[in-house]
Amino acid sequence: MVMERNEPCACGSGKKYKKCCLAKDEAAAAMRRLEEQRRVEAEAEAARRMREEERAVWEKARRPAPSGTPDDEFTSDSAAKARELGWPPLTVESEKLVDAWWEEVHPVYVGKDGLKQSGWLLERTVAFLDEHPQLFRYLFLHEEFLLEVGAWLDRAGRRTDHHELLLRLRGEQPEVHSQGFGFWDFNLLVESLRSGQREDIQACLPRFREEPIKFIDQFAEVVDLLAWHGCEAELRWLLEPTAAIIEDSPDVLNGGFGMRWLTHLAMFPLLESGDDTPEAFGGMCQQVMAVGCLEDNHRNREWLRRAVLMALPTEAESGLDLKQPHSVQFDGDVAWSFAGWLRRTKGLRWASARFLAGIMLDYWHWTENKQKGLKRGRKKGGKTKAAATFSLDAGRLGDFLDNYCRGFFGIRTLTALPAIQSYHYFTEYLVERGHLSDEQASQVRTEATVHFIRVRNLVDVNDPIYQIYPTYEELITGARLHLES
C-alpha cells in the first residue's frame, strides 16, 4: 500500500516516512516517469522511420515499367505481388487507371496534411471502389494505406465511415479482405462490443477460424476480447477447430491459450448448475479430458475438484484463509474463489470472471518474481514483516502496467484495462472477506483510477480498448460485460 507521510518508514529506521525515504521514493517515481516519456518518444520515432521506409518501398514499386514491357501485363513489384497472390496480371490500360489513382492520392497521403485530408482520401478510395471494383485489389491498400487512413478517420470523428468501408471490403472485396482481416475484423469486433451489438460479433470471426495462424497476434487478442466479455458460445465456435492447430504450430510461441480456454469452457456448465455431486463432477471431468489439454490422471482430477469447490459457495470456499503466503495451490484457490464471487456478485459470465481472475494471477506471479522481498518479507526492528500477499500497491500496479502489459508498440491495453478492472473488483472481494478495510480499499481504487488516466495518456487517442471503456466509471461498472446472449 502507499505510505502516508506521517507513518513510520517501512525501511525500519524508526523515522517518519516524510523525513526518511519519501524524497528518495519521489525521485525514483520522477525517474520512472522520465524513462516512460523517453520510451514513448523512442517508439514514436521508430514508427515514423518504419513509415518512411515503407513509403520508400512504395515509391520504388510505382516507378514506370521499363520500355519494352509487354502490353498485356506490368512488371513492377506490384506485378510480382499479384503473381504471388495468384491474381491475374493487369492490362496496360488497367495499370494506367491504378497508376492514375495513386498519382492523385499519393502526394496527399504522404504529405503533412494527410490527417486533415482523411475525408478526401476516403472519398477517393470509395470512388475507385465504386468505379473499378475489379481493379481495387491492385491498389494494395491493405499494406499500409487503409490502416493509417483508418486511424486518421477515427481521430477526425469519422469512425462510422471507416467501419462502413471495412464492411464493404469484407462483403465485396474478399481478396483484399483476406490480406488484412486480422486488423480489420478485430476493429469491427471492438465496435460490436462498444455498441453492444452482440449479433455482429459472429461475422468478425470466420476468417480467423479459417486461417488461425496468419494473424496469430490478432487471433489471440480476439480470444481475450471474447473471453473478457463473456462471449462463450462465440469463443467455443472459434476455438474448437483451431486450438489444437495453434498449439501444434511451430510458428506460434506459447500457443496453448486456446486449449486452456476450451478446458475452462468445459467446466462452466457444471459451475453454472452448481451441482458438485460425484456424478456431475465425473461428467465434467469426461468433458474436460476430451478437450485434450489435461491428461486424465488423479492429480488433474484433484485440481479440477479443488477448482470447483473454490468457485462454488461451498464450505471449503467459505473457509479459505486469505492470510496464507503465496503458493501455486493458494493462488489457484483464490483465483477460482474470486471468479465465483464475480459470477455471483457482479453477474459476470463465467468466461469474464475467469478471465479477470487470470489477470490477477498474472499480476501476483509477476510481482512475486519481480519485487524483492515479496515472498520472504522484510526485516523491521529485528522482526520479519509479513509479505503483502496480494501486492495491492500503486507502485507495483504501475510497474505491472508499464512492463508486463507492454508490447512492441507500447502498453497493451487489452491486458492493462482488464488488470485495472480486476484490481478494483478484487479490493471489493477482499473487503467482503474481511481481509481489507473500506478505507484501504478506497485508497487502492483511487490509485487504480490514476493509472487508468495515466495509461490513457500514454497510448494512441484511437486505442480500441479505450473506445470500449473511455472512462474509469464505465470500466468498473462492467456494462459491456453483460451483453445479451
Protein backbone atom coordinates (compact mmCIF):
# COMPACT_ATOMS: atom_id res chain seq x y z
CA MET A 1 0.00 0.00 0.00
CA VAL A 2 1.08 3.62 -0.46
CA MET A 3 2.53 5.03 2.75
CA GLU A 4 1.19 8.12 4.45
CA ARG A 5 3.69 10.92 5.07
CA ASN A 6 3.49 10.65 8.86
CA GLU A 7 3.62 6.86 9.09
CA PRO A 8 6.78 5.11 10.33
CA CYS A 9 9.02 4.44 7.37
CA ALA A 10 8.94 0.88 6.05
CA CYS A 11 12.74 0.73 5.93
CA GLY A 12 12.80 0.24 9.71
CA SER A 13 14.71 3.42 10.58
CA GLY A 14 12.10 4.47 13.13
CA LYS A 15 11.68 7.86 11.45
CA LYS A 16 8.52 9.15 9.84
CA TYR A 17 8.25 8.40 6.17
CA LYS A 18 8.35 12.09 5.17
CA LYS A 19 11.68 12.54 6.97
CA CYS A 20 13.23 9.34 5.74
CA CYS A 21 12.54 7.71 2.34
CA LEU A 22 9.86 9.99 0.89
CA ALA A 23 12.28 12.16 -1.07
CA LYS A 24 14.07 9.10 -2.45
CA ASP A 25 10.78 7.47 -3.49
CA GLU A 26 9.56 10.65 -5.16
CA ALA A 27 12.85 10.95 -7.05
CA ALA A 28 12.54 7.33 -8.17
CA ALA A 29 8.97 7.97 -9.32
CA ALA A 30 10.12 11.05 -11.26
CA MET A 31 12.86 8.99 -12.90
CA ARG A 32 10.31 6.32 -13.90
CA ARG A 33 8.12 9.00 -15.48
CA LEU A 34 11.11 10.39 -17.38
CA GLU A 35 12.08 6.93 -18.60
CA GLU A 36 8.49 6.30 -19.68
CA GLN A 37 8.44 9.55 -21.65
CA ARG A 38 11.72 8.69 -23.37
CA ARG A 39 10.42 5.21 -24.20
CA VAL A 40 7.24 6.60 -25.73
CA GLU A 41 9.23 9.14 -27.78
CA ALA A 42 11.60 6.40 -28.99
CA GLU A 43 8.70 4.22 -30.07
CA ALA A 44 7.11 7.14 -31.92
CA GLU A 45 10.39 7.80 -33.75
CA ALA A 46 10.73 4.11 -34.65
CA ALA A 47 7.19 4.10 -36.03
CA ARG A 48 7.92 7.24 -38.08
CA ARG A 49 11.04 5.65 -39.58
CA MET A 50 9.10 2.49 -40.39
CA ARG A 51 6.50 4.53 -42.27
CA GLU A 52 9.22 6.35 -44.21
CA GLU A 53 10.84 3.05 -45.19
CA GLU A 54 7.50 1.61 -46.30
CA ARG A 55 6.81 4.69 -48.41
CA ALA A 56 10.26 4.44 -49.98
CA VAL A 57 9.46 0.86 -50.98
CA TRP A 58 6.16 2.07 -52.44
CA GLU A 59 7.89 4.78 -54.47
CA LYS A 60 10.23 2.21 -55.92
CA ALA A 61 7.36 -0.15 -56.72
CA ARG A 62 5.39 2.53 -58.53
CA ARG A 63 8.16 3.62 -60.91
CA PRO A 64 7.24 3.32 -64.61
CA ALA A 65 7.93 -0.03 -66.15
CA PRO A 66 10.96 -0.11 -68.46
CA SER A 67 10.49 0.29 -72.17
CA GLY A 68 9.68 -2.89 -74.00
CA THR A 69 7.23 -4.12 -71.35
CA PRO A 70 4.63 -6.42 -72.96
CA ASP A 71 1.27 -4.75 -73.49
CA ASP A 72 -0.63 -7.46 -71.61
CA GLU A 73 0.98 -7.04 -68.18
CA PHE A 74 3.06 -4.79 -65.96
CA THR A 75 6.39 -5.88 -64.45
CA SER A 76 6.74 -3.74 -61.30
CA ASP A 77 6.95 -5.04 -57.77
CA SER A 78 3.17 -4.83 -57.76
CA ALA A 79 3.08 -7.38 -60.57
CA ALA A 80 5.30 -9.71 -58.56
CA LYS A 81 2.97 -9.38 -55.58
CA ALA A 82 -0.04 -10.08 -57.76
CA ARG A 83 1.57 -13.20 -59.17
CA GLU A 84 2.48 -14.37 -55.67
CA LEU A 85 -1.15 -13.99 -54.62
CA GLY A 86 -2.37 -15.79 -57.71
CA TRP A 87 -4.08 -12.72 -59.17
CA PRO A 88 -4.15 -12.37 -62.98
CA PRO A 89 -1.89 -9.69 -64.47
CA LEU A 90 -3.27 -6.28 -65.36
CA THR A 91 -3.56 -4.98 -68.87
CA VAL A 92 -1.71 -1.78 -69.72
CA GLU A 93 -4.98 0.20 -69.64
CA SER A 94 -5.89 -1.17 -66.24
CA GLU A 95 -2.42 -0.41 -64.94
CA LYS A 96 -2.82 3.18 -66.11
CA LEU A 97 -6.03 3.51 -64.07
CA VAL A 98 -4.29 2.16 -60.98
CA ASP A 99 -1.30 4.46 -61.50
CA ALA A 100 -3.51 7.47 -62.11
CA TRP A 101 -5.29 6.93 -58.81
CA TRP A 102 -2.02 6.70 -56.92
CA GLU A 103 -0.59 9.75 -58.70
CA GLU A 104 -3.59 11.74 -57.50
CA VAL A 105 -3.76 10.36 -53.98
CA HIS A 106 -0.13 9.73 -53.04
CA PRO A 107 1.03 13.36 -52.62
CA VAL A 108 -1.80 14.00 -50.16
CA TYR A 109 -1.34 10.71 -48.37
CA VAL A 110 2.38 11.21 -47.68
CA GLY A 111 2.10 14.98 -47.21
CA LYS A 112 1.80 16.92 -43.99
CA ASP A 113 -1.96 17.31 -44.38
CA GLY A 114 -2.79 13.62 -44.63
CA LEU A 115 -4.65 13.68 -41.33
CA LYS A 116 -6.63 16.80 -42.30
CA GLN A 117 -7.43 15.29 -45.69
CA SER A 118 -8.56 11.90 -44.37
CA GLY A 119 -12.11 12.56 -45.57
CA TRP A 120 -10.90 13.30 -49.09
CA LEU A 121 -8.68 10.19 -49.06
CA LEU A 122 -11.72 8.13 -48.06
CA GLU A 123 -13.79 9.68 -50.84
CA ARG A 124 -11.17 8.86 -53.47
CA THR A 125 -10.90 5.29 -52.11
CA VAL A 126 -14.65 4.75 -52.23
CA ALA A 127 -14.83 6.32 -55.70
CA PHE A 128 -12.29 3.85 -57.09
CA LEU A 129 -14.11 1.02 -55.35
CA ASP A 130 -17.38 2.11 -56.99
CA GLU A 131 -15.94 2.76 -60.45
CA HIS A 132 -13.39 -0.06 -60.74
CA PRO A 133 -14.26 -2.81 -58.24
CA GLN A 134 -12.39 -5.41 -60.28
CA LEU A 135 -9.17 -3.36 -60.02
CA PHE A 136 -9.44 -2.31 -56.38
CA ARG A 137 -7.27 -5.10 -55.04
CA TYR A 138 -4.38 -3.99 -57.27
CA LEU A 139 -4.06 -0.76 -55.28
CA PHE A 140 -2.60 -2.92 -52.47
CA LEU A 141 -4.15 -0.64 -49.87
CA HIS A 142 -4.02 -3.38 -47.24
CA GLU A 143 -0.25 -2.98 -46.88
CA GLU A 144 -0.42 0.38 -45.07
CA PHE A 145 -2.87 2.84 -46.55
CA LEU A 146 -6.10 1.51 -45.06
CA LEU A 147 -4.59 1.15 -41.59
CA GLU A 148 -3.21 4.68 -41.48
CA VAL A 149 -6.14 6.41 -43.14
CA GLY A 150 -8.48 4.46 -40.88
CA ALA A 151 -6.67 5.83 -37.83
CA TRP A 152 -6.91 9.35 -39.26
CA LEU A 153 -10.64 8.94 -39.85
CA ASP A 154 -11.12 7.80 -36.27
CA ARG A 155 -9.27 10.86 -35.00
CA ALA A 156 -11.40 13.07 -37.22
CA GLY A 157 -14.59 11.66 -35.69
CA ARG A 158 -15.49 9.60 -38.77
CA ARG A 159 -15.18 6.15 -37.23
CA THR A 160 -18.57 5.15 -38.65
CA ASP A 161 -17.42 5.94 -42.19
CA HIS A 162 -14.26 3.95 -41.59
CA HIS A 163 -16.23 0.93 -40.39
CA GLU A 164 -18.61 1.15 -43.33
CA LEU A 165 -15.63 0.89 -45.68
CA LEU A 166 -14.31 -2.15 -43.80
CA LEU A 167 -17.71 -3.82 -44.02
CA ARG A 168 -17.80 -3.18 -47.78
CA LEU A 169 -14.36 -4.72 -48.19
CA ARG A 170 -15.42 -7.78 -46.23
CA GLY A 171 -18.51 -8.23 -48.37
CA GLU A 172 -17.34 -7.03 -51.81
CA GLN A 173 -13.56 -7.49 -51.88
CA PRO A 174 -12.72 -10.92 -50.41
CA GLU A 175 -9.22 -10.88 -51.92
CA VAL A 176 -8.42 -7.57 -50.23
CA HIS A 177 -10.15 -8.55 -47.00
CA SER A 178 -8.14 -11.78 -46.79
CA GLN A 179 -4.91 -9.77 -46.79
CA GLY A 180 -5.79 -7.59 -43.79
CA PHE A 181 -8.68 -9.28 -41.98
CA GLY A 182 -6.69 -9.67 -38.77
CA PHE A 183 -6.64 -5.92 -38.21
CA TRP A 184 -9.99 -5.01 -39.78
CA ASP A 185 -12.17 -7.69 -38.23
CA PHE A 186 -10.58 -7.02 -34.85
CA ASN A 187 -11.50 -3.36 -35.32
CA LEU A 188 -15.08 -4.31 -36.21
CA LEU A 189 -15.26 -6.69 -33.25
CA VAL A 190 -14.29 -3.84 -30.93
CA GLU A 191 -17.06 -1.73 -32.43
CA SER A 192 -19.58 -4.55 -31.90
CA LEU A 193 -18.62 -4.74 -28.23
CA ARG A 194 -18.56 -0.97 -27.81
CA SER A 195 -22.03 -0.58 -29.28
CA GLY A 196 -23.43 -3.65 -27.54
CA GLN A 197 -24.38 -5.28 -30.87
CA ARG A 198 -23.73 -8.91 -30.00
CA GLU A 199 -25.39 -10.07 -33.19
CA ASP A 200 -22.49 -8.52 -35.16
CA ILE A 201 -19.77 -10.43 -33.30
CA GLN A 202 -20.07 -13.70 -35.19
CA ALA A 203 -19.43 -12.03 -38.56
CA CYS A 204 -15.98 -10.93 -37.33
CA LEU A 205 -14.75 -14.48 -36.68
CA PRO A 206 -14.92 -16.73 -39.79
CA ARG A 207 -11.58 -15.69 -41.34
CA PHE A 208 -9.81 -16.18 -38.01
CA ARG A 209 -11.31 -19.65 -37.87
CA GLU A 210 -10.25 -20.42 -41.45
CA GLU A 211 -6.70 -19.06 -41.09
CA PRO A 212 -5.82 -19.01 -37.38
CA ILE A 213 -2.06 -18.69 -37.85
CA LYS A 214 -2.00 -15.90 -40.45
CA PHE A 215 -2.77 -13.16 -37.91
CA ILE A 216 -1.99 -15.09 -34.74
CA ASP A 217 -1.37 -11.99 -32.59
CA GLN A 218 -4.76 -10.59 -33.53
CA PHE A 219 -6.32 -14.05 -33.10
CA ALA A 220 -5.06 -14.14 -29.51
CA GLU A 221 -6.47 -10.65 -28.92
CA VAL A 222 -9.83 -11.75 -30.31
CA VAL A 223 -9.82 -14.67 -27.86
CA ASP A 224 -9.08 -12.28 -24.99
CA LEU A 225 -11.84 -9.91 -26.08
CA LEU A 226 -14.40 -12.69 -26.35
CA ALA A 227 -13.42 -14.21 -23.01
CA TRP A 228 -13.34 -10.84 -21.23
CA HIS A 229 -16.85 -10.03 -22.48
CA GLY A 230 -18.33 -13.43 -21.73
CA CYS A 231 -18.96 -14.45 -25.34
CA GLU A 232 -18.72 -18.13 -24.51
CA ALA A 233 -20.62 -19.54 -27.49
CA GLU A 234 -18.55 -17.49 -29.94
CA LEU A 235 -15.35 -18.40 -28.13
CA ARG A 236 -16.14 -22.09 -28.33
CA TRP A 237 -17.09 -21.82 -32.04
CA LEU A 238 -13.78 -20.11 -32.78
CA LEU A 239 -11.53 -22.41 -30.76
CA GLU A 240 -12.90 -25.90 -31.24
CA PRO A 241 -11.41 -26.34 -34.75
CA THR A 242 -8.34 -24.13 -34.21
CA ALA A 243 -6.93 -24.52 -30.67
CA ALA A 244 -5.03 -27.76 -31.37
CA ILE A 245 -3.69 -26.38 -34.67
CA ILE A 246 -2.33 -23.31 -32.90
CA GLU A 247 -0.78 -25.32 -30.08
CA ASP A 248 0.97 -27.66 -32.54
CA SER A 249 2.17 -24.94 -34.91
CA PRO A 250 5.96 -24.40 -34.94
CA ASP A 251 5.28 -20.77 -35.91
CA VAL A 252 3.47 -19.92 -32.67
CA LEU A 253 5.09 -19.36 -29.28
CA ASN A 254 3.01 -20.14 -26.19
CA GLY A 255 0.20 -21.41 -28.36
CA GLY A 256 -1.65 -23.32 -25.64
CA PHE A 257 -4.04 -20.49 -24.78
CA GLY A 258 -6.85 -21.89 -26.94
CA MET A 259 -6.68 -25.35 -25.34
CA ARG A 260 -6.73 -23.79 -21.87
CA TRP A 261 -9.86 -21.84 -22.74
CA LEU A 262 -11.58 -24.92 -24.12
CA THR A 263 -10.78 -26.61 -20.80
CA HIS A 264 -12.38 -23.73 -18.88
CA LEU A 265 -15.39 -23.75 -21.18
CA ALA A 266 -15.89 -27.45 -20.46
CA MET A 267 -16.01 -26.64 -16.72
CA PHE A 268 -18.51 -23.80 -16.91
CA PRO A 269 -21.76 -25.83 -17.34
CA LEU A 270 -21.18 -27.61 -14.04
CA LEU A 271 -20.20 -24.37 -12.31
CA GLU A 272 -23.32 -22.70 -13.67
CA SER A 273 -25.55 -25.52 -12.43
CA GLY A 274 -23.88 -25.51 -9.01
CA ASP A 275 -24.12 -29.31 -8.94
CA ASP A 276 -20.95 -30.64 -7.34
CA THR A 277 -22.23 -34.18 -6.77
CA PRO A 278 -19.86 -37.04 -7.70
CA GLU A 279 -21.99 -37.89 -10.75
CA ALA A 280 -21.95 -34.31 -12.08
CA PHE A 281 -18.26 -33.95 -11.33
CA GLY A 282 -17.48 -37.18 -13.16
CA GLY A 283 -19.37 -35.97 -16.22
CA MET A 284 -17.49 -32.69 -16.17
CA CYS A 285 -14.16 -34.49 -15.95
CA GLN A 286 -15.03 -36.51 -19.05
CA GLN A 287 -15.81 -33.30 -20.94
CA VAL A 288 -12.61 -31.63 -19.75
CA MET A 289 -10.37 -34.58 -20.57
CA ALA A 290 -11.95 -34.86 -24.02
CA VAL A 291 -10.51 -31.42 -24.83
CA GLY A 292 -7.03 -32.93 -24.70
CA CYS A 293 -5.30 -30.23 -22.66
CA LEU A 294 -5.11 -32.27 -19.44
CA GLU A 295 -4.16 -35.91 -19.01
CA ASP A 296 -6.79 -37.99 -17.26
CA ASN A 297 -5.00 -38.77 -14.01
CA HIS A 298 -5.60 -38.44 -10.29
CA ARG A 299 -3.60 -35.24 -9.94
CA ASN A 300 -5.56 -33.38 -12.62
CA ARG A 301 -8.89 -34.63 -11.31
CA GLU A 302 -7.95 -33.35 -7.85
CA TRP A 303 -7.04 -29.99 -9.37
CA LEU A 304 -10.46 -29.85 -11.05
CA ARG A 305 -12.19 -30.89 -7.82
CA ARG A 306 -10.45 -28.12 -5.90
CA ALA A 307 -11.29 -25.54 -8.59
CA VAL A 308 -14.98 -26.49 -8.39
CA LEU A 309 -15.01 -26.33 -4.58
CA MET A 310 -13.46 -22.86 -4.64
CA ALA A 311 -15.59 -21.46 -7.46
CA LEU A 312 -18.86 -22.53 -5.85
CA PRO A 313 -20.18 -21.31 -2.47
CA THR A 314 -19.05 -24.44 -0.65
CA GLU A 315 -17.77 -24.93 2.88
CA ALA A 316 -14.22 -25.15 1.54
CA GLU A 317 -14.58 -21.80 -0.24
CA SER A 318 -16.08 -20.03 2.77
CA GLY A 319 -13.23 -21.30 4.95
CA LEU A 320 -10.46 -20.13 2.61
CA ASP A 321 -7.78 -18.35 4.67
CA LEU A 322 -6.57 -15.30 2.75
CA LYS A 323 -3.63 -14.71 5.09
CA GLN A 324 -1.62 -17.61 3.75
CA PRO A 325 1.67 -16.97 1.91
CA HIS A 326 1.80 -17.38 -1.82
CA SER A 327 1.88 -20.87 -3.31
CA VAL A 328 0.65 -22.37 -6.56
CA GLN A 329 -2.27 -24.05 -4.79
CA PHE A 330 -3.20 -20.98 -2.72
CA ASP A 331 -3.11 -18.67 -5.74
CA GLY A 332 -5.29 -21.10 -7.67
CA ASP A 333 -7.73 -21.33 -4.79
CA VAL A 334 -8.07 -17.56 -4.54
CA ALA A 335 -8.38 -17.14 -8.31
CA TRP A 336 -11.27 -19.62 -8.56
CA SER A 337 -12.87 -18.20 -5.42
CA PHE A 338 -12.59 -14.70 -6.91
CA ALA A 339 -14.07 -15.95 -10.20
CA GLY A 340 -17.03 -17.46 -8.38
CA TRP A 341 -17.52 -14.26 -6.41
CA LEU A 342 -17.54 -12.24 -9.65
CA ARG A 343 -20.18 -14.57 -11.10
CA ARG A 344 -22.41 -14.34 -8.04
CA THR A 345 -21.84 -10.72 -7.04
CA LYS A 346 -21.22 -8.90 -10.33
CA GLY A 347 -23.36 -11.12 -12.52
CA LEU A 348 -20.49 -11.74 -14.95
CA ARG A 349 -20.48 -14.81 -17.12
CA TRP A 350 -18.01 -17.48 -16.14
CA ALA A 351 -15.66 -16.65 -19.03
CA SER A 352 -15.49 -12.99 -17.95
CA ALA A 353 -14.99 -13.97 -14.33
CA ARG A 354 -12.24 -16.47 -15.12
CA PHE A 355 -10.51 -14.04 -17.49
CA LEU A 356 -10.33 -11.36 -14.81
CA ALA A 357 -9.19 -13.88 -12.20
CA GLY A 358 -6.46 -14.97 -14.62
CA ILE A 359 -5.28 -11.38 -14.93
CA MET A 360 -4.97 -11.18 -11.13
CA LEU A 361 -2.97 -14.42 -11.17
CA ASP A 362 -0.60 -12.89 -13.72
CA TYR A 363 -0.29 -9.80 -11.52
CA TRP A 364 0.54 -11.79 -8.37
CA HIS A 365 3.05 -14.00 -10.14
CA TRP A 366 4.73 -11.07 -11.86
CA THR A 367 5.10 -9.08 -8.65
CA GLU A 368 6.21 -12.23 -6.84
CA ASN A 369 9.03 -12.72 -9.30
CA LYS A 370 9.99 -9.08 -9.78
CA GLN A 371 9.64 -7.45 -6.36
CA LYS A 372 12.49 -8.20 -3.96
CA GLY A 373 11.40 -9.41 -0.58
CA LEU A 374 7.79 -10.06 -1.57
CA LYS A 375 7.89 -13.71 -0.57
CA ARG A 376 10.44 -13.53 2.23
CA GLY A 377 9.14 -10.36 3.87
CA ARG A 378 11.39 -7.60 5.11
CA LYS A 379 13.26 -7.15 8.32
CA LYS A 380 11.82 -4.49 10.56
CA GLY A 381 13.18 -3.91 14.04
CA GLY A 382 14.62 -7.41 14.11
CA LYS A 383 11.29 -8.96 13.15
CA THR A 384 10.08 -10.21 9.81
CA LYS A 385 7.42 -8.03 8.21
CA ALA A 386 4.69 -10.09 6.58
CA ALA A 387 4.71 -10.07 2.80
CA ALA A 388 1.98 -8.15 1.02
CA THR A 389 0.26 -11.31 -0.22
CA PHE A 390 -1.82 -9.69 -2.93
CA SER A 391 0.54 -6.81 -3.83
CA LEU A 392 -2.11 -4.07 -3.61
CA ASP A 393 0.40 -1.33 -4.07
CA ALA A 394 0.29 1.59 -6.52
CA GLY A 395 3.96 1.25 -7.38
CA ARG A 396 3.63 -2.44 -8.13
CA LEU A 397 0.50 -1.93 -10.20
CA GLY A 398 2.25 0.81 -12.15
CA ASP A 399 5.27 -1.41 -12.79
CA PHE A 400 2.99 -4.24 -13.90
CA LEU A 401 1.17 -2.00 -16.36
CA ASP A 402 4.39 -0.47 -17.69
CA ASN A 403 6.32 -3.71 -18.05
CA TYR A 404 4.20 -6.87 -18.11
CA CYS A 405 1.50 -5.12 -20.16
CA ARG A 406 3.98 -3.64 -22.63
CA GLY A 407 4.22 -4.80 -26.21
CA PHE A 408 6.40 -3.78 -29.13
CA PHE A 409 4.40 -0.62 -29.85
CA GLY A 410 3.59 0.39 -26.27
CA ILE A 411 1.26 -0.66 -23.49
CA ARG A 412 -1.18 -3.42 -24.49
CA THR A 413 -4.44 -2.03 -23.22
CA LEU A 414 -6.21 -5.35 -23.77
CA THR A 415 -4.13 -6.54 -20.82
CA ALA A 416 -3.82 -3.27 -18.90
CA LEU A 417 -7.51 -2.30 -18.66
CA PRO A 418 -8.73 -5.73 -17.54
CA ALA A 419 -5.89 -5.66 -14.98
CA ILE A 420 -7.13 -2.33 -13.60
CA GLN A 421 -10.72 -3.56 -13.63
CA SER A 422 -9.81 -6.81 -11.87
CA TYR A 423 -7.64 -4.92 -9.38
CA HIS A 424 -10.65 -2.74 -8.47
CA TYR A 425 -13.04 -5.69 -8.17
CA PHE A 426 -10.54 -7.64 -6.08
CA THR A 427 -10.49 -4.93 -3.42
CA GLU A 428 -14.27 -5.37 -3.09
CA TYR A 429 -13.78 -9.13 -2.77
CA LEU A 430 -11.17 -8.62 -0.02
CA VAL A 431 -13.39 -6.18 1.88
CA GLU A 432 -16.25 -8.67 1.83
CA ARG A 433 -13.92 -11.38 3.11
CA GLY A 434 -12.68 -9.11 5.92
CA HIS A 435 -9.14 -9.02 4.55
CA LEU A 436 -9.16 -5.30 3.69
CA SER A 437 -10.81 -2.31 5.31
CA ASP A 438 -13.12 0.04 3.43
CA GLU A 439 -10.60 2.84 3.91
CA GLN A 440 -7.75 0.78 2.48
CA ALA A 441 -9.90 -0.35 -0.45
CA SER A 442 -10.90 3.23 -1.22
CA GLN A 443 -7.26 4.26 -1.39
CA VAL A 444 -6.40 1.36 -3.67
CA ARG A 445 -9.25 2.26 -6.02
CA THR A 446 -8.11 5.87 -6.15
CA GLU A 447 -4.66 4.68 -7.19
CA ALA A 448 -6.20 2.46 -9.86
CA THR A 449 -8.10 5.47 -11.22
CA VAL A 450 -4.86 7.39 -11.53
CA HIS A 451 -3.28 4.55 -13.51
CA PHE A 452 -6.31 4.34 -15.82
CA ILE A 453 -5.85 8.02 -16.70
CA ARG A 454 -2.06 7.73 -16.91
CA VAL A 455 -2.18 4.81 -19.34
CA ARG A 456 -4.85 6.67 -21.34
CA ASN A 457 -2.37 9.50 -21.88
CA LEU A 458 0.37 7.10 -22.96
CA VAL A 459 -1.48 5.27 -25.73
CA ASP A 460 -2.90 6.40 -29.05
CA VAL A 461 -6.02 8.52 -28.89
CA ASN A 462 -7.77 5.86 -31.02
CA ASP A 463 -6.78 2.94 -28.83
CA PRO A 464 -9.51 0.32 -29.44
CA ILE A 465 -9.94 -0.80 -25.81
CA TYR A 466 -10.36 2.77 -24.62
CA GLN A 467 -13.06 3.07 -27.28
CA ILE A 468 -14.99 0.40 -25.36
CA TYR A 469 -14.21 1.90 -21.95
CA PRO A 470 -13.48 5.62 -22.37
CA THR A 471 -13.90 6.35 -18.63
CA TYR A 472 -12.93 4.60 -15.43
CA GLU A 473 -16.56 4.58 -14.33
CA GLU A 474 -17.60 2.64 -17.44
CA LEU A 475 -14.77 0.18 -16.89
CA ILE A 476 -15.65 -0.66 -13.29
CA THR A 477 -19.41 -0.87 -13.89
CA GLY A 478 -18.60 -3.57 -16.43
CA ALA A 479 -21.60 -2.66 -18.59
CA ARG A 480 -20.02 -4.21 -21.68
CA LEU A 481 -19.55 -7.49 -19.80
CA HIS A 482 -23.31 -8.04 -19.77
CA LEU A 483 -24.07 -8.38 -23.49
CA GLU A 484 -27.29 -10.24 -24.16
CA SER A 485 -26.83 -13.82 -25.33
